[in-house]
Amino acid sequence: MFKGFVLSESLKDPTILNGFATEKVIVENHSEFEGELKIWHDFKLKIKDEDINSVCGKIAKQIKEEWYAHFWNENTVYVVLPDKIFKMPRESGVWKSSEYLECKKYAMKHGVEERFLTDFLIED
């Protein structure tokens, strides 16, 4: 089973989230961000192992520039960016795998700020 976070604000059509099993929705107030959306709706999803590639594909088609979503299990993390999916080993501490470095480079080319790429929120 994979779990993951997708911000509704990150999607061109956030209603696609209605088709997934939602564990919880967290409403976050980010008043510290100047000129950006202040309120985020963070959907924590549960995805069956056999559905992870399909779900990541759907989200990759809907996710906006400057955003990403991510999913994890005990060994693997998927990071979903516009039209691109990265599969990488789950790491503790500092992310350093070659897959992560490639993902970070691609994400930054697509407007994701480095401060959002130093750690992925993973909770079990």
C-alpha atoms as a PDB file:
ATOM      1  CA  MET A   1       0.000   0.000   0.000  1.00  0.00           C
ATOM      2  CA  PHE A   2       1.239   3.453  -0.918  1.00  0.00           C
ATOM      3  CA  LYS A   3       0.319   6.653   0.848  1.00  0.00           C
ATOM      4  CA  GLY A   4       0.787  10.092  -0.561  1.00  0.00           C
ATOM      5  CA  PHE A   5       0.082  13.793  -0.422  1.00  0.00           C
ATOM      6  CA  VAL A   6      -1.553  15.810  -3.175  1.00  0.00           C
ATOM      7  CA  LEU A   7      -2.507  19.451  -2.733  1.00  0.00           C
ATOM      8  CA  SER A   8      -5.820  20.206  -4.419  1.00  0.00           C
ATOM      9  CA  GLU A   9      -4.422  23.608  -5.400  1.00  0.00           C
ATOM     10  CA  SER A  10      -1.674  21.858  -7.385  1.00  0.00           C
ATOM     11  CA  LEU A  11      -4.103  20.276  -9.841  1.00  0.00           C
ATOM     12  CA  LYS A  12      -5.687  21.700 -12.980  1.00  0.00           C
ATOM     13  CA  ASP A  13      -8.817  19.711 -12.115  1.00  0.00           C
ATOM     14  CA  PRO A  14      -8.856  19.031  -8.361  1.00  0.00           C
ATOM     15  CA  THR A  15     -12.095  17.044  -8.635  1.00  0.00           C
ATOM     16  CA  ILE A  16     -10.018  14.021  -9.720  1.00  0.00           C
ATOM     17  CA  LEU A  17      -9.192  13.641  -6.024  1.00  0.00           C
ATOM     18  CA  ASN A  18     -12.799  12.517  -5.473  1.00  0.00           C
ATOM     19  CA  GLY A  19     -11.929   9.241  -7.211  1.00  0.00           C
ATOM     20  CA  PHE A  20      -9.258   8.198  -4.716  1.00  0.00           C
ATOM     21  CA  ALA A  21      -9.375   6.741  -1.210  1.00  0.00           C
ATOM     22  CA  THR A  22      -8.643   9.642   1.138  1.00  0.00           C
ATOM     23  CA  GLU A  23      -7.187   8.966   4.565  1.00  0.00           C
ATOM     24  CA  LYS A  24      -7.503  12.605   5.649  1.00  0.00           C
ATOM     25  CA  VAL A  25      -7.473  16.185   4.418  1.00  0.00           C
ATOM     26  CA  ILE A  26      -5.258  18.723   6.140  1.00  0.00           C
ATOM     27  CA  VAL A  27      -6.039  22.414   5.728  1.00  0.00           C
ATOM     28  CA  GLU A  28      -2.832  24.407   6.052  1.00  0.00           C
ATOM     29  CA  ASN A  29      -2.444  28.167   6.489  1.00  0.00           C
ATOM     30  CA  HIS A  30       0.793  29.408   4.920  1.00  0.00           C
ATOM     31  CA  SER A  31       0.640  33.091   5.750  1.00  0.00           C
ATOM     32  CA  GLU A  32       4.450  33.202   5.532  1.00  0.00           C
ATOM     33  CA  PHE A  33       4.359  32.857   1.733  1.00  0.00           C
ATOM     34  CA  GLU A  34       4.332  36.253   0.059  1.00  0.00           C
ATOM     35  CA  GLY A  35       2.311  36.445  -3.152  1.00  0.00           C
ATOM     36  CA  GLU A  36       1.339  32.762  -3.029  1.00  0.00           C
ATOM     37  CA  LEU A  37      -1.793  30.883  -2.055  1.00  0.00           C
ATOM     38  CA  LYS A  38      -2.163  31.081   1.708  1.00  0.00           C
ATOM     39  CA  ILE A  39      -4.560  28.179   2.332  1.00  0.00           C
ATOM     40  CA  TRP A  40      -3.676  24.689   1.056  1.00  0.00           C
ATOM     41  CA  HIS A  41      -5.843  21.551   1.116  1.00  0.00           C
ATOM     42  CA  ASP A  42      -3.505  18.594   1.480  1.00  0.00           C
ATOM     43  CA  PHE A  43      -5.140  15.263   0.619  1.00  0.00           C
ATOM     44  CA  LYS A  44      -3.470  12.193   2.101  1.00  0.00           C
ATOM     45  CA  LEU A  45      -4.353   9.323  -0.219  1.00  0.00           C
ATOM     46  CA  LYS A  46      -4.075   5.546   0.066  1.00  0.00           C
ATOM     47  CA  ILE A  47      -3.196   3.771  -3.185  1.00  0.00           C
ATOM     48  CA  LYS A  48      -2.988   0.015  -3.767  1.00  0.00           C
ATOM     49  CA  ASP A  49       0.390  -1.215  -5.006  1.00  0.00           C
ATOM     50  CA  GLU A  50      -1.115  -2.410  -8.285  1.00  0.00           C
ATOM     51  CA  ASP A  51      -2.650   1.047  -8.920  1.00  0.00           C
ATOM     52  CA  ILE A  52       0.341   3.282  -8.165  1.00  0.00           C
ATOM     53  CA  ASN A  53       1.550   3.657 -11.765  1.00  0.00           C
ATOM     54  CA  SER A  54      -1.923   4.471 -13.057  1.00  0.00           C
ATOM     55  CA  VAL A  55      -2.596   6.997 -10.285  1.00  0.00           C
ATOM     56  CA  CYS A  56       0.783   8.689 -10.780  1.00  0.00           C
ATOM     57  CA  GLY A  57       0.058   8.906 -14.508  1.00  0.00           C
ATOM     58  CA  LYS A  58      -3.305  10.591 -13.924  1.00  0.00           C
ATOM     59  CA  ILE A  59      -1.789  13.095 -11.517  1.00  0.00           C
ATOM     60  CA  ALA A  60       1.172  13.823 -13.837  1.00  0.00           C
ATOM     61  CA  LYS A  61      -1.326  14.919 -16.497  1.00  0.00           C
ATOM     62  CA  GLN A  62      -3.156  17.212 -14.064  1.00  0.00           C
ATOM     63  CA  ILE A  63      -0.418  18.702 -11.907  1.00  0.00           C
ATOM     64  CA  LYS A  64       0.464  22.333 -12.556  1.00  0.00           C
ATOM     65  CA  GLU A  65       3.920  23.753 -13.146  1.00  0.00           C
ATOM     66  CA  GLU A  66       5.709  24.653  -9.904  1.00  0.00           C
ATOM     67  CA  TRP A  67       4.005  21.823  -7.967  1.00  0.00           C
ATOM     68  CA  TYR A  68       4.575  18.145  -7.236  1.00  0.00           C
ATOM     69  CA  ALA A  69       2.848  15.272  -5.466  1.00  0.00           C
ATOM     70  CA  HIS A  70       4.520  12.308  -3.821  1.00  0.00           C
ATOM     71  CA  PHE A  71       3.655   8.763  -2.744  1.00  0.00           C
ATOM     72  CA  TRP A  72       5.604   6.291  -0.618  1.00  0.00           C
ATOM     73  CA  ASN A  73       5.698   2.858   0.891  1.00  0.00           C
ATOM     74  CA  GLU A  74       8.357   1.319   3.097  1.00  0.00           C
ATOM     75  CA  ASN A  75      10.959   1.142   0.292  1.00  0.00           C
ATOM     76  CA  THR A  76       9.989   3.448  -2.558  1.00  0.00           C
ATOM     77  CA  VAL A  77       8.985   7.067  -3.180  1.00  0.00           C
ATOM     78  CA  TYR A  78       7.256   8.305  -6.334  1.00  0.00           C
ATOM     79  CA  VAL A  79       7.478  12.028  -7.063  1.00  0.00           C
ATOM     80  CA  VAL A  80       4.974  13.253  -9.641  1.00  0.00           C
ATOM     81  CA  LEU A  81       5.695  16.391 -11.643  1.00  0.00           C
ATOM     82  CA  PRO A  82       4.125  17.780 -14.816  1.00  0.00           C
ATOM     83  CA  ASP A  83       4.254  14.937 -17.363  1.00  0.00           C
ATOM     84  CA  LYS A  84       7.004  13.109 -15.440  1.00  0.00           C
ATOM     85  CA  ILE A  85       7.152  10.504 -12.690  1.00  0.00           C
ATOM     86  CA  PHE A  86      10.273   9.707 -10.691  1.00  0.00           C
ATOM     87  CA  LYS A  87      10.659   6.456  -8.764  1.00  0.00           C
ATOM     88  CA  MET A  88      13.386   6.505  -6.136  1.00  0.00           C
ATOM     89  CA  PRO A  89      14.505   4.587  -3.074  1.00  0.00           C
ATOM     90  CA  ARG A  90      13.140   5.840   0.217  1.00  0.00           C
ATOM     91  CA  GLU A  91      16.013   7.448   2.071  1.00  0.00           C
ATOM     92  CA  SER A  92      16.350   8.639   5.634  1.00  0.00           C
ATOM     93  CA  GLY A  93      18.200  11.813   6.404  1.00  0.00           C
ATOM     94  CA  VAL A  94      19.680  13.643   3.431  1.00  0.00           C
ATOM     95  CA  TRP A  95      18.307  12.657   0.014  1.00  0.00           C
ATOM     96  CA  LYS A  96      21.240  11.779  -2.247  1.00  0.00           C
ATOM     97  CA  SER A  97      20.338   8.970  -4.662  1.00  0.00           C
ATOM     98  CA  SER A  98      20.939   9.568  -8.356  1.00  0.00           C
ATOM     99  CA  GLU A  99      17.174   9.269  -8.902  1.00  0.00           C
ATOM    100  CA  TYR A 100      16.544  12.020  -6.347  1.00  0.00           C
ATOM    101  CA  LEU A 101      19.157  14.309  -7.910  1.00  0.00           C
ATOM    102  CA  GLU A 102      17.591  13.821 -11.355  1.00  0.00           C
ATOM    103  CA  CYS A 103      14.132  14.525  -9.900  1.00  0.00           C
ATOM    104  CA  LYS A 104      15.363  17.667  -8.149  1.00  0.00           C
ATOM    105  CA  LYS A 105      16.923  18.995 -11.348  1.00  0.00           C
ATOM    106  CA  TYR A 106      13.726  18.357 -13.347  1.00  0.00           C
ATOM    107  CA  ALA A 107      11.520  19.857 -10.622  1.00  0.00           C
ATOM    108  CA  MET A 108      13.552  23.040 -10.422  1.00  0.00           C
ATOM    109  CA  LYS A 109      13.388  23.386 -14.228  1.00  0.00           C
ATOM    110  CA  HIS A 110       9.612  23.286 -13.799  1.00  0.00           C
ATOM    111  CA  GLY A 111       9.521  26.008 -11.165  1.00  0.00           C
ATOM    112  CA  VAL A 112       9.533  24.002  -7.934  1.00  0.00           C
ATOM    113  CA  GLU A 113      11.617  25.924  -5.419  1.00  0.00           C
ATOM    114  CA  GLU A 114      14.565  24.086  -3.915  1.00  0.00           C
ATOM    115  CA  ARG A 115      13.235  24.672  -0.380  1.00  0.00           C
ATOM    116  CA  PHE A 116      10.371  22.276  -1.187  1.00  0.00           C
ATOM    117  CA  LEU A 117      12.732  19.573  -2.468  1.00  0.00           C
ATOM    118  CA  THR A 118      15.048  19.056   0.493  1.00  0.00           C
ATOM    119  CA  ASP A 119      12.653  16.730   2.275  1.00  0.00           C
ATOM    120  CA  PHE A 120       9.423  14.976   1.381  1.00  0.00           C
ATOM    121  CA  LEU A 121       6.825  14.751   4.119  1.00  0.00           C
ATOM    122  CA  ILE A 122       6.443  11.055   4.807  1.00  0.00           C
ATOM    123  CA  GLU A 123       4.223   9.817   7.584  1.00  0.00           C
ATOM    124  CA  ASP A 124       3.097   6.256   8.116  1.00  0.00           C
END
